[in-house]
Amino acid sequence: MRYFALMTLFLATSLTAIGQRQMIDKVVATVGSELVLLSEVEEQHALSLAQQGDLPENARCNIAEQLLANKLLINQAILDSVEVSEAEVQTQLDARIERILSYMNGDIEQFEAYYGQSIGAVKEQFREDLRNQLLTERMRSQIMNNVKVTPAEVKSFFNSIPTDSLPYFSSEVEISEIVIKPQINDEERQKAIEQLEEIRAMIMSGETDFPTMAEKYSDDGSGRLGGDLGWASRGKFVPEFEAAAYKLDDNEISEVVETDFGFHLIQMLGRRGNAINVRHILIRPQITDADLVAAEERLDSIRNLIVVDSMNFSRAVKEFSFEDMQSYNNDGRMVNPVTGNTFFEVGDLDPDIYFTIDTMDIGGISNPFRFRQQDDYFFRIVRLESRTQPHTADLSQDYSKIQQAAIESKRNEFINTWIEDRIKDTFISIDGRYDGCPNLDVWRKGEVIRP
């Protein structure tokens, strides 16, 4: 059983399924208080078929197993009083709808034509599915929270892999960076402030309204939604934005607020306990060529201090690097977002970094080069910390990777055991149409009534 790998229902699958629930439904399984519907199985089957083009004969059996595992987790989460707040659900809904819109270049008409409903209606229809997904993830996290492996277990796991099955690792590198963000000059800052003050005056006078101006002028994706940022609890927004937002009364509009993203007007739409719903208009001051040149020259001067030993790299990170970069709190070391460690396969590096370090020696420091992230320009210098040659997996060189694989293996075993134990104590009923699914035999141990 591969419950651990099968449990999560993905965003695109779930959203696409919204428009497909047209069949007359039937309950095909019961897990405690949770129901598995025929439409859920068939939706997943149809979507998998569309994505993969061909499916094995037992595909519906595997899908049914996935759904049973999800329902068992949801049922247990309810019994254990695991909670998912409305603010969490709303935040996830907003983020996921925004992601889908980004794939459609922000075209709301295309979105609504594809799903056959307004954005608001899609959110409401998907709300319960998302709540259940968050419950599933939270329950699974609680179950496996304390799963650890000892060095002896890592070694045993590695030794259990047949020699001819050991993975082959490509060349990997470790890289440190110092990043600086170009500073906006005073003239451009003042232009942005004055533009927002004019917009605010027009709204306050009744000449126009907030959503219209947000759609017309806001420099972020929320503009297409009239600036609506959805429901959020404390901690979601940067401190300056949050401090201003929480001071507002319903429908009140803030003065101009400055954050690292630019300048904002904020309007309070509503409160639910500690959660707020606000909309904003963001104006990003323009970065001029002179600002870019000044930033590059400043970083080049920092590099020279390091090269002539006037300052070590670690100290330069703390004194000069942009604090919002992940590497700032890791002594400059960049972390691979896929693996969570500091090693990158060279083929997975951004092209600008790849070509920069390609001919560098260990300990070498690059010249400054520019990159862009979330619509902002930055400059970085990088230092090559280490480089491995392509090789077959080895415990001494690849301990962190082998450790992570051992943890995943142990988690799989743990969740499988947990599910089998819960099956014995949970009422389960499975429709006879799945009698030919051998992978569901273990689930029938909890079966009391056959439909």
Protein backbone atom coordinates (compact mmCIF):
# COMPACT_ATOMS: atom_id res chain seq x y z
CA MET A 1 0.00 0.00 0.00
CA ARG A 2 1.27 3.40 -0.90
CA TYR A 3 -1.06 5.61 1.09
CA PHE A 4 1.61 8.23 1.80
CA ALA A 5 2.13 8.85 -1.91
CA LEU A 6 -1.56 8.68 -2.82
CA MET A 7 -3.18 10.91 -0.23
CA THR A 8 -3.03 14.45 -1.62
CA LEU A 9 -5.60 15.62 -4.18
CA PHE A 10 -3.91 18.28 -6.26
CA LEU A 11 -5.14 21.79 -7.00
CA ALA A 12 -5.62 21.49 -10.74
CA THR A 13 -7.41 18.18 -10.36
CA SER A 14 -9.75 19.49 -7.71
CA LEU A 15 -10.58 22.73 -9.47
CA THR A 16 -11.21 21.03 -12.80
CA ALA A 17 -13.44 18.52 -11.06
CA ILE A 18 -15.75 21.31 -9.91
CA GLY A 19 -17.33 21.53 -13.32
CA GLN A 20 -17.70 17.78 -13.72
CA ARG A 21 -20.12 16.85 -10.92
CA GLN A 22 -23.07 16.37 -13.22
CA MET A 23 -23.73 12.62 -12.77
CA ILE A 24 -26.36 11.20 -10.46
CA ASP A 25 -24.28 10.36 -7.42
CA LYS A 26 -24.05 7.23 -5.33
CA VAL A 27 -22.25 6.45 -2.11
CA VAL A 28 -19.70 3.74 -2.93
CA ALA A 29 -17.90 3.63 0.41
CA THR A 30 -18.30 4.82 4.00
CA VAL A 31 -15.39 5.45 6.36
CA GLY A 32 -16.65 6.35 9.80
CA SER A 33 -18.76 9.45 9.21
CA GLU A 34 -17.20 10.20 5.82
CA LEU A 35 -18.63 9.17 2.45
CA VAL A 36 -16.87 8.31 -0.80
CA LEU A 37 -19.03 9.17 -3.80
CA LEU A 38 -19.01 7.48 -7.17
CA SER A 39 -18.52 10.91 -8.76
CA GLU A 40 -15.26 11.37 -6.81
CA VAL A 41 -13.83 8.14 -8.16
CA GLU A 42 -14.96 8.84 -11.72
CA GLU A 43 -13.73 12.45 -11.65
CA GLN A 44 -10.28 11.34 -10.59
CA HIS A 45 -10.26 8.59 -13.19
CA ALA A 46 -11.30 10.95 -16.00
CA LEU A 47 -8.73 13.54 -15.01
CA SER A 48 -5.93 10.99 -14.69
CA LEU A 49 -6.85 9.64 -18.10
CA ALA A 50 -6.76 13.14 -19.60
CA GLN A 51 -3.37 13.85 -18.02
CA GLN A 52 -1.66 10.52 -18.71
CA GLY A 53 -3.41 9.30 -21.86
CA ASP A 54 -3.41 5.67 -20.70
CA LEU A 55 -4.19 4.03 -17.37
CA PRO A 56 -3.77 0.50 -16.00
CA GLU A 57 -6.84 -1.67 -15.58
CA ASN A 58 -6.73 -1.31 -11.81
CA ALA A 59 -6.70 2.52 -11.93
CA ARG A 60 -10.10 2.82 -10.28
CA CYS A 61 -8.93 0.47 -7.50
CA ASN A 62 -5.95 2.74 -6.80
CA ILE A 63 -8.14 5.83 -6.86
CA ALA A 64 -10.61 4.23 -4.47
CA GLU A 65 -7.74 3.38 -2.13
CA GLN A 66 -6.52 6.98 -2.24
CA LEU A 67 -9.98 8.30 -1.41
CA LEU A 68 -10.48 5.79 1.42
CA ALA A 69 -7.16 6.88 2.97
CA ASN A 70 -8.15 10.53 2.73
CA LYS A 71 -11.54 9.88 4.29
CA LEU A 72 -9.98 7.89 7.13
CA LEU A 73 -7.68 10.81 7.93
CA ILE A 74 -10.55 13.30 7.81
CA ASN A 75 -12.66 11.07 10.04
CA GLN A 76 -9.83 10.79 12.57
CA ALA A 77 -9.17 14.54 12.42
CA ILE A 78 -12.80 15.18 13.37
CA LEU A 79 -12.61 12.65 16.23
CA ASP A 80 -9.38 14.29 17.47
CA SER A 81 -10.88 17.81 17.17
CA VAL A 82 -8.24 18.90 14.65
CA GLU A 83 -9.30 22.31 13.36
CA VAL A 84 -8.81 24.33 10.20
CA SER A 85 -9.86 27.96 10.55
CA GLU A 86 -11.99 29.83 8.05
CA ALA A 87 -9.15 32.31 7.56
CA GLU A 88 -6.78 29.49 6.56
CA VAL A 89 -9.26 28.13 4.05
CA GLN A 90 -9.89 31.59 2.58
CA THR A 91 -6.17 32.33 2.30
CA GLN A 92 -5.56 29.06 0.47
CA LEU A 93 -8.54 29.64 -1.82
CA ASP A 94 -7.35 33.11 -2.74
CA ALA A 95 -3.79 31.91 -3.38
CA ARG A 96 -4.86 28.98 -5.53
CA ILE A 97 -7.36 30.95 -7.59
CA GLU A 98 -4.65 33.57 -8.11
CA ARG A 99 -2.28 30.85 -9.30
CA ILE A 100 -4.82 29.57 -11.82
CA LEU A 101 -5.40 33.12 -13.01
CA SER A 102 -1.66 33.59 -13.48
CA TYR A 103 -1.67 30.61 -15.86
CA MET A 104 -4.38 32.43 -17.82
CA ASN A 105 -2.47 35.73 -17.87
CA GLY A 106 -4.92 37.24 -15.40
CA ASP A 107 -7.87 36.89 -17.79
CA ILE A 108 -10.94 36.65 -15.52
CA GLU A 109 -13.28 36.14 -18.50
CA GLN A 110 -11.22 33.14 -19.62
CA PHE A 111 -11.32 31.71 -16.09
CA GLU A 112 -15.09 32.09 -15.80
CA ALA A 113 -15.67 30.72 -19.28
CA TYR A 114 -13.52 27.66 -18.52
CA TYR A 115 -15.23 26.87 -15.20
CA GLY A 116 -18.66 28.12 -16.22
CA GLN A 117 -18.97 30.15 -13.02
CA SER A 118 -17.79 33.37 -11.44
CA ILE A 119 -14.62 33.37 -9.36
CA GLY A 120 -16.72 33.76 -6.21
CA ALA A 121 -18.91 30.77 -7.10
CA VAL A 122 -15.86 28.60 -7.83
CA LYS A 123 -14.38 29.53 -4.45
CA GLU A 124 -17.57 28.59 -2.63
CA GLN A 125 -17.91 25.29 -4.47
CA PHE A 126 -14.29 24.38 -3.80
CA ARG A 127 -14.30 25.57 -0.18
CA GLU A 128 -15.33 22.27 1.45
CA ASP A 129 -12.94 20.23 -0.72
CA LEU A 130 -10.08 22.49 0.31
CA ARG A 131 -11.05 22.37 3.97
CA ASN A 132 -10.94 18.57 3.81
CA GLN A 133 -7.59 18.66 2.06
CA LEU A 134 -6.15 20.90 4.78
CA LEU A 135 -7.60 18.61 7.45
CA THR A 136 -5.99 15.62 5.73
CA GLU A 137 -2.61 17.33 5.57
CA ARG A 138 -2.80 18.48 9.19
CA MET A 139 -3.80 15.05 10.45
CA ARG A 140 -1.07 13.36 8.45
CA SER A 141 1.45 15.87 9.80
CA GLN A 142 0.40 15.17 13.38
CA ILE A 143 0.69 11.43 12.83
CA MET A 144 4.21 11.63 11.42
CA ASN A 145 5.49 14.62 13.35
CA ASN A 146 7.83 12.64 15.55
CA VAL A 147 9.16 10.19 12.96
CA LYS A 148 12.95 10.40 13.13
CA VAL A 149 15.83 8.17 12.08
CA THR A 150 19.06 7.46 13.95
CA PRO A 151 22.45 7.31 12.22
CA ALA A 152 22.32 3.53 12.66
CA GLU A 153 18.98 3.41 10.85
CA VAL A 154 20.36 5.54 8.01
CA LYS A 155 23.28 3.15 7.63
CA SER A 156 20.98 0.11 7.77
CA PHE A 157 18.68 1.65 5.15
CA PHE A 158 21.63 2.36 2.84
CA ASN A 159 23.02 -1.15 3.28
CA SER A 160 19.63 -2.63 2.41
CA ILE A 161 19.79 -1.13 -1.09
CA PRO A 162 21.23 -3.64 -3.61
CA THR A 163 24.52 -2.42 -5.03
CA ASP A 164 23.19 -2.47 -8.58
CA SER A 165 20.22 -0.32 -7.48
CA LEU A 166 22.18 2.50 -5.87
CA PRO A 167 21.32 5.85 -7.47
CA TYR A 168 23.84 7.75 -9.58
CA PHE A 169 24.22 11.39 -8.56
CA SER A 170 25.19 14.10 -10.99
CA SER A 171 27.73 16.78 -10.12
CA GLU A 172 26.50 18.96 -7.25
CA VAL A 173 27.57 22.31 -5.90
CA GLU A 174 27.10 24.40 -2.78
CA ILE A 175 26.85 28.15 -3.26
CA SER A 176 26.80 31.18 -0.98
CA GLU A 177 25.52 34.60 -2.03
CA ILE A 178 25.35 38.23 -1.05
CA VAL A 179 22.32 40.03 -2.45
CA ILE A 180 21.51 43.72 -2.48
CA LYS A 181 18.37 45.44 -3.67
CA PRO A 182 18.72 48.69 -5.63
CA GLN A 183 17.50 51.70 -3.69
CA ILE A 184 14.79 53.87 -5.19
CA ASN A 185 15.88 57.47 -5.67
CA ASP A 186 13.99 60.23 -3.87
CA GLU A 187 12.38 61.62 -7.03
CA GLU A 188 10.74 58.30 -7.96
CA ARG A 189 9.64 57.71 -4.37
CA GLN A 190 7.91 61.07 -4.31
CA LYS A 191 6.18 60.41 -7.64
CA ALA A 192 4.67 57.18 -6.27
CA ILE A 193 3.51 58.87 -3.05
CA GLU A 194 1.90 61.76 -4.93
CA GLN A 195 0.15 59.39 -7.34
CA LEU A 196 -1.42 57.46 -4.46
CA GLU A 197 -2.41 60.65 -2.67
CA GLU A 198 -4.22 61.79 -5.84
CA ILE A 199 -5.95 58.41 -6.13
CA ARG A 200 -7.02 58.56 -2.49
CA ALA A 201 -8.43 62.06 -2.90
CA MET A 202 -10.47 60.95 -5.92
CA ILE A 203 -11.91 57.99 -4.01
CA MET A 204 -12.70 60.04 -0.89
CA SER A 205 -14.47 62.68 -2.98
CA GLY A 206 -16.71 60.04 -4.56
CA GLU A 207 -15.33 60.70 -8.03
CA THR A 208 -14.45 57.01 -8.35
CA ASP A 209 -14.27 53.89 -6.18
CA PHE A 210 -11.46 51.80 -4.73
CA PRO A 211 -11.89 48.64 -6.89
CA THR A 212 -11.90 50.66 -10.11
CA MET A 213 -8.68 52.45 -9.22
CA ALA A 214 -7.06 49.23 -8.01
CA GLU A 215 -7.85 47.52 -11.30
CA LYS A 216 -6.49 50.48 -13.24
CA TYR A 217 -3.35 51.32 -11.26
CA SER A 218 -2.27 48.57 -8.84
CA ASP A 219 1.09 47.06 -9.74
CA ASP A 220 0.30 43.56 -8.49
CA GLY A 221 -2.02 40.70 -9.42
CA SER A 222 -4.72 41.74 -6.96
CA GLY A 223 -5.63 44.62 -9.23
CA ARG A 224 -7.72 42.35 -11.43
CA LEU A 225 -9.81 41.52 -8.34
CA GLY A 226 -10.27 45.15 -7.39
CA GLY A 227 -7.33 44.94 -5.01
CA ASP A 228 -9.03 42.32 -2.80
CA LEU A 229 -6.40 40.33 -0.84
CA GLY A 230 -8.91 37.93 0.73
CA TRP A 231 -9.14 36.89 4.35
CA ALA A 232 -5.91 36.63 6.31
CA SER A 233 -4.87 36.26 9.93
CA ARG A 234 -2.00 38.07 11.62
CA GLY A 235 1.42 37.28 10.20
CA LYS A 236 0.48 36.98 6.54
CA PHE A 237 1.40 40.54 5.58
CA VAL A 238 4.68 42.37 6.11
CA PRO A 239 4.77 44.28 9.43
CA GLU A 240 4.34 47.81 8.04
CA PHE A 241 1.30 46.78 5.97
CA GLU A 242 -0.23 44.78 8.81
CA ALA A 243 0.25 47.52 11.39
CA ALA A 244 -1.61 50.01 9.19
CA ALA A 245 -4.34 47.55 8.18
CA TYR A 246 -5.30 46.47 11.70
CA LYS A 247 -5.81 50.09 12.75
CA LEU A 248 -8.55 50.64 10.16
CA ASP A 249 -12.28 50.58 10.79
CA ASP A 250 -14.66 48.96 8.31
CA ASN A 251 -14.48 50.70 4.89
CA GLU A 252 -11.83 53.13 6.15
CA ILE A 253 -8.97 53.92 3.75
CA SER A 254 -5.44 54.34 5.05
CA GLU A 255 -2.97 57.07 4.29
CA VAL A 256 -0.04 56.06 2.05
CA VAL A 257 1.85 53.11 3.58
CA GLU A 258 5.42 52.20 2.60
CA THR A 259 6.72 48.60 2.58
CA ASP A 260 9.51 46.76 0.79
CA PHE A 261 7.03 46.12 -2.04
CA GLY A 262 6.35 49.81 -2.66
CA PHE A 263 3.59 52.19 -1.53
CA HIS A 264 0.03 51.18 -0.67
CA LEU A 265 -3.45 52.46 -0.02
CA ILE A 266 -5.36 49.98 2.14
CA GLN A 267 -9.12 49.67 2.67
CA MET A 268 -10.66 47.54 5.41
CA LEU A 269 -13.48 45.33 4.12
CA GLY A 270 -14.25 43.32 7.25
CA ARG A 271 -13.07 41.48 10.35
CA ARG A 272 -13.67 37.97 11.69
CA GLY A 273 -12.04 37.70 15.08
CA ASN A 274 -8.31 37.99 14.43
CA ALA A 275 -8.71 37.74 10.65
CA ILE A 276 -9.15 40.68 8.31
CA ASN A 277 -10.20 41.15 4.71
CA VAL A 278 -8.56 44.15 3.05
CA ARG A 279 -7.92 45.42 -0.42
CA HIS A 280 -5.09 47.63 -1.54
CA ILE A 281 -3.60 49.62 -4.37
CA LEU A 282 0.14 49.11 -4.82
CA ILE A 283 2.38 51.53 -6.66
CA ARG A 284 5.97 50.43 -7.21
CA PRO A 285 8.37 53.34 -7.77
CA GLN A 286 10.31 53.00 -10.98
CA ILE A 287 13.90 51.78 -10.78
CA THR A 288 16.06 53.98 -13.00
CA ASP A 289 19.21 52.95 -14.83
CA ALA A 290 21.17 55.14 -12.44
CA ASP A 291 19.71 53.22 -9.46
CA LEU A 292 20.82 49.93 -11.04
CA VAL A 293 24.33 51.19 -11.74
CA ALA A 294 24.68 52.47 -8.17
CA ALA A 295 23.61 49.08 -6.74
CA GLU A 296 26.04 47.17 -8.96
CA GLU A 297 28.92 49.45 -8.02
CA ARG A 298 28.11 49.13 -4.33
CA LEU A 299 28.13 45.33 -4.51
CA ASP A 300 31.39 45.39 -6.47
CA SER A 301 32.93 47.42 -3.65
CA ILE A 302 31.72 44.83 -1.12
CA ARG A 303 33.28 42.09 -3.25
CA ASN A 304 36.60 43.92 -3.28
CA LEU A 305 36.59 44.15 0.52
CA ILE A 306 36.22 40.35 0.68
CA VAL A 307 38.81 39.63 -2.00
CA VAL A 308 41.52 41.73 -0.30
CA ASP A 309 40.71 40.13 3.09
CA SER A 310 39.40 43.33 4.65
CA MET A 311 36.18 41.49 5.49
CA ASN A 312 35.20 37.82 5.47
CA PHE A 313 32.23 36.59 3.47
CA SER A 314 30.11 35.71 6.50
CA ARG A 315 30.42 39.16 8.01
CA ALA A 316 29.65 40.78 4.66
CA VAL A 317 26.43 38.73 4.46
CA LYS A 318 25.26 40.05 7.83
CA GLU A 319 26.22 43.65 7.15
CA PHE A 320 25.13 44.06 3.54
CA SER A 321 22.96 41.24 2.18
CA PHE A 322 19.21 41.72 1.72
CA GLU A 323 17.57 40.41 4.88
CA ASP A 324 14.47 39.00 3.19
CA MET A 325 16.53 36.49 1.22
CA GLN A 326 16.51 32.99 2.70
CA SER A 327 20.30 32.85 2.45
CA TYR A 328 20.69 35.80 4.84
CA ASN A 329 19.82 33.62 7.83
CA ASN A 330 21.93 30.72 6.56
CA ASP A 331 25.32 32.47 6.55
CA GLY A 332 24.79 33.23 2.86
CA ARG A 333 24.28 29.58 1.88
CA MET A 334 21.60 29.07 -0.74
CA VAL A 335 19.09 26.30 0.00
CA ASN A 336 17.69 24.06 -2.71
CA PRO A 337 13.89 24.54 -2.50
CA VAL A 338 13.28 21.01 -3.83
CA THR A 339 15.47 19.08 -1.39
CA GLY A 340 15.69 21.50 1.53
CA ASN A 341 19.47 21.10 1.74
CA THR A 342 22.33 23.24 0.37
CA PHE A 343 23.26 21.01 -2.58
CA PHE A 344 22.23 21.78 -6.15
CA GLU A 345 22.66 19.57 -9.18
CA VAL A 346 24.36 21.84 -11.68
CA GLY A 347 21.66 21.18 -14.26
CA ASP A 348 19.02 22.53 -11.88
CA LEU A 349 20.70 25.87 -11.30
CA ASP A 350 19.36 29.07 -12.79
CA PRO A 351 21.23 29.68 -16.05
CA ASP A 352 22.84 32.88 -14.79
CA ILE A 353 24.30 31.07 -11.76
CA TYR A 354 25.25 27.99 -13.79
CA PHE A 355 27.31 29.96 -16.29
CA THR A 356 28.80 32.14 -13.55
CA ILE A 357 30.24 29.22 -11.55
CA ASP A 358 31.00 26.93 -14.50
CA THR A 359 34.71 27.82 -14.61
CA MET A 360 35.13 28.98 -11.00
CA ASP A 361 37.47 27.31 -8.51
CA ILE A 362 36.30 26.35 -5.03
CA GLY A 363 36.27 29.54 -2.95
CA GLY A 364 36.04 31.78 -6.01
CA ILE A 365 33.77 34.83 -5.87
CA SER A 366 31.90 36.08 -8.91
CA ASN A 367 31.48 39.61 -10.17
CA PRO A 368 28.07 41.19 -9.46
CA PHE A 369 25.25 40.16 -11.78
CA ARG A 370 21.63 41.18 -11.93
CA PHE A 371 18.55 38.99 -11.49
CA ARG A 372 14.84 39.49 -11.08
CA GLN A 373 12.49 38.07 -8.47
CA GLN A 374 8.79 38.85 -8.04
CA ASP A 375 9.02 41.91 -10.28
CA ASP A 376 11.96 43.37 -8.33
CA TYR A 377 15.56 43.73 -9.52
CA PHE A 378 18.46 42.55 -7.37
CA PHE A 379 22.22 42.11 -7.69
CA ARG A 380 24.18 39.20 -6.25
CA ILE A 381 27.68 37.89 -5.99
CA VAL A 382 28.15 34.16 -5.42
CA ARG A 383 30.94 32.09 -3.91
CA LEU A 384 31.47 28.47 -4.91
CA GLU A 385 31.71 26.51 -1.64
CA SER A 386 32.03 22.95 -2.92
CA ARG A 387 31.67 20.81 -6.03
CA THR A 388 31.26 17.03 -6.25
CA GLN A 389 31.97 14.86 -9.26
CA PRO A 390 29.29 12.56 -10.70
CA HIS A 391 29.25 9.38 -8.63
CA THR A 392 27.28 6.41 -7.36
CA ALA A 393 25.57 7.11 -4.04
CA ASP A 394 27.98 6.92 -1.15
CA LEU A 395 27.16 7.21 2.54
CA SER A 396 30.09 9.51 3.30
CA GLN A 397 29.35 11.98 0.50
CA ASP A 398 25.56 11.77 0.36
CA TYR A 399 24.54 11.28 3.98
CA SER A 400 21.85 14.02 4.00
CA LYS A 401 20.15 12.60 0.89
CA ILE A 402 20.25 9.05 2.19
CA GLN A 403 18.98 10.27 5.56
CA GLN A 404 16.00 11.96 3.90
CA ALA A 405 15.23 8.81 1.88
CA ALA A 406 15.39 6.77 5.09
CA ILE A 407 12.98 9.18 6.81
CA GLU A 408 10.52 8.96 3.91
CA SER A 409 10.72 5.17 3.98
CA LYS A 410 10.08 5.10 7.71
CA ARG A 411 7.19 7.56 7.32
CA ASN A 412 5.62 5.32 4.68
CA GLU A 413 5.85 2.35 6.99
CA PHE A 414 4.50 4.39 9.92
CA ILE A 415 1.48 5.78 8.06
CA ASN A 416 0.68 2.37 6.58
CA THR A 417 0.73 0.81 10.06
CA TRP A 418 -1.35 3.66 11.47
CA ILE A 419 -3.97 3.26 8.74
CA GLU A 420 -4.17 -0.51 9.18
CA ASP A 421 -4.65 -0.05 12.94
CA ARG A 422 -7.39 2.54 12.44
CA ILE A 423 -9.17 0.39 9.88
CA LYS A 424 -9.75 -2.25 12.57
CA ASP A 425 -11.53 0.29 14.78
CA THR A 426 -13.46 2.19 12.12
CA PHE A 427 -16.78 1.36 10.49
CA ILE A 428 -16.06 0.81 6.79
CA SER A 429 -18.43 -0.19 4.02
CA ILE A 430 -17.33 -0.69 0.40
CA ASP A 431 -19.60 -1.13 -2.61
CA GLY A 432 -19.52 -4.52 -4.30
CA ARG A 433 -18.37 -3.01 -7.57
CA TYR A 434 -14.86 -2.90 -6.03
CA ASP A 435 -14.78 -6.58 -5.05
CA GLY A 436 -12.19 -7.18 -7.76
CA CYS A 437 -9.70 -4.79 -6.11
CA PRO A 438 -7.17 -6.82 -4.10
CA ASN A 439 -5.56 -3.65 -2.75
CA LEU A 440 -8.80 -2.95 -0.85
CA ASP A 441 -8.82 -6.28 1.00
CA VAL A 442 -7.21 -4.74 4.08
CA TRP A 443 -9.96 -2.10 4.18
CA ARG A 444 -12.60 -4.78 4.40
CA LYS A 445 -11.27 -5.71 7.85
CA GLY A 446 -13.28 -2.76 9.13
CA GLU A 447 -16.29 -3.64 7.04
CA VAL A 448 -19.50 -4.31 8.92
CA ILE A 449 -22.25 -3.99 6.37
CA ARG A 450 -22.03 -4.69 2.66
CA PRO A 451 -24.32 -2.59 0.49
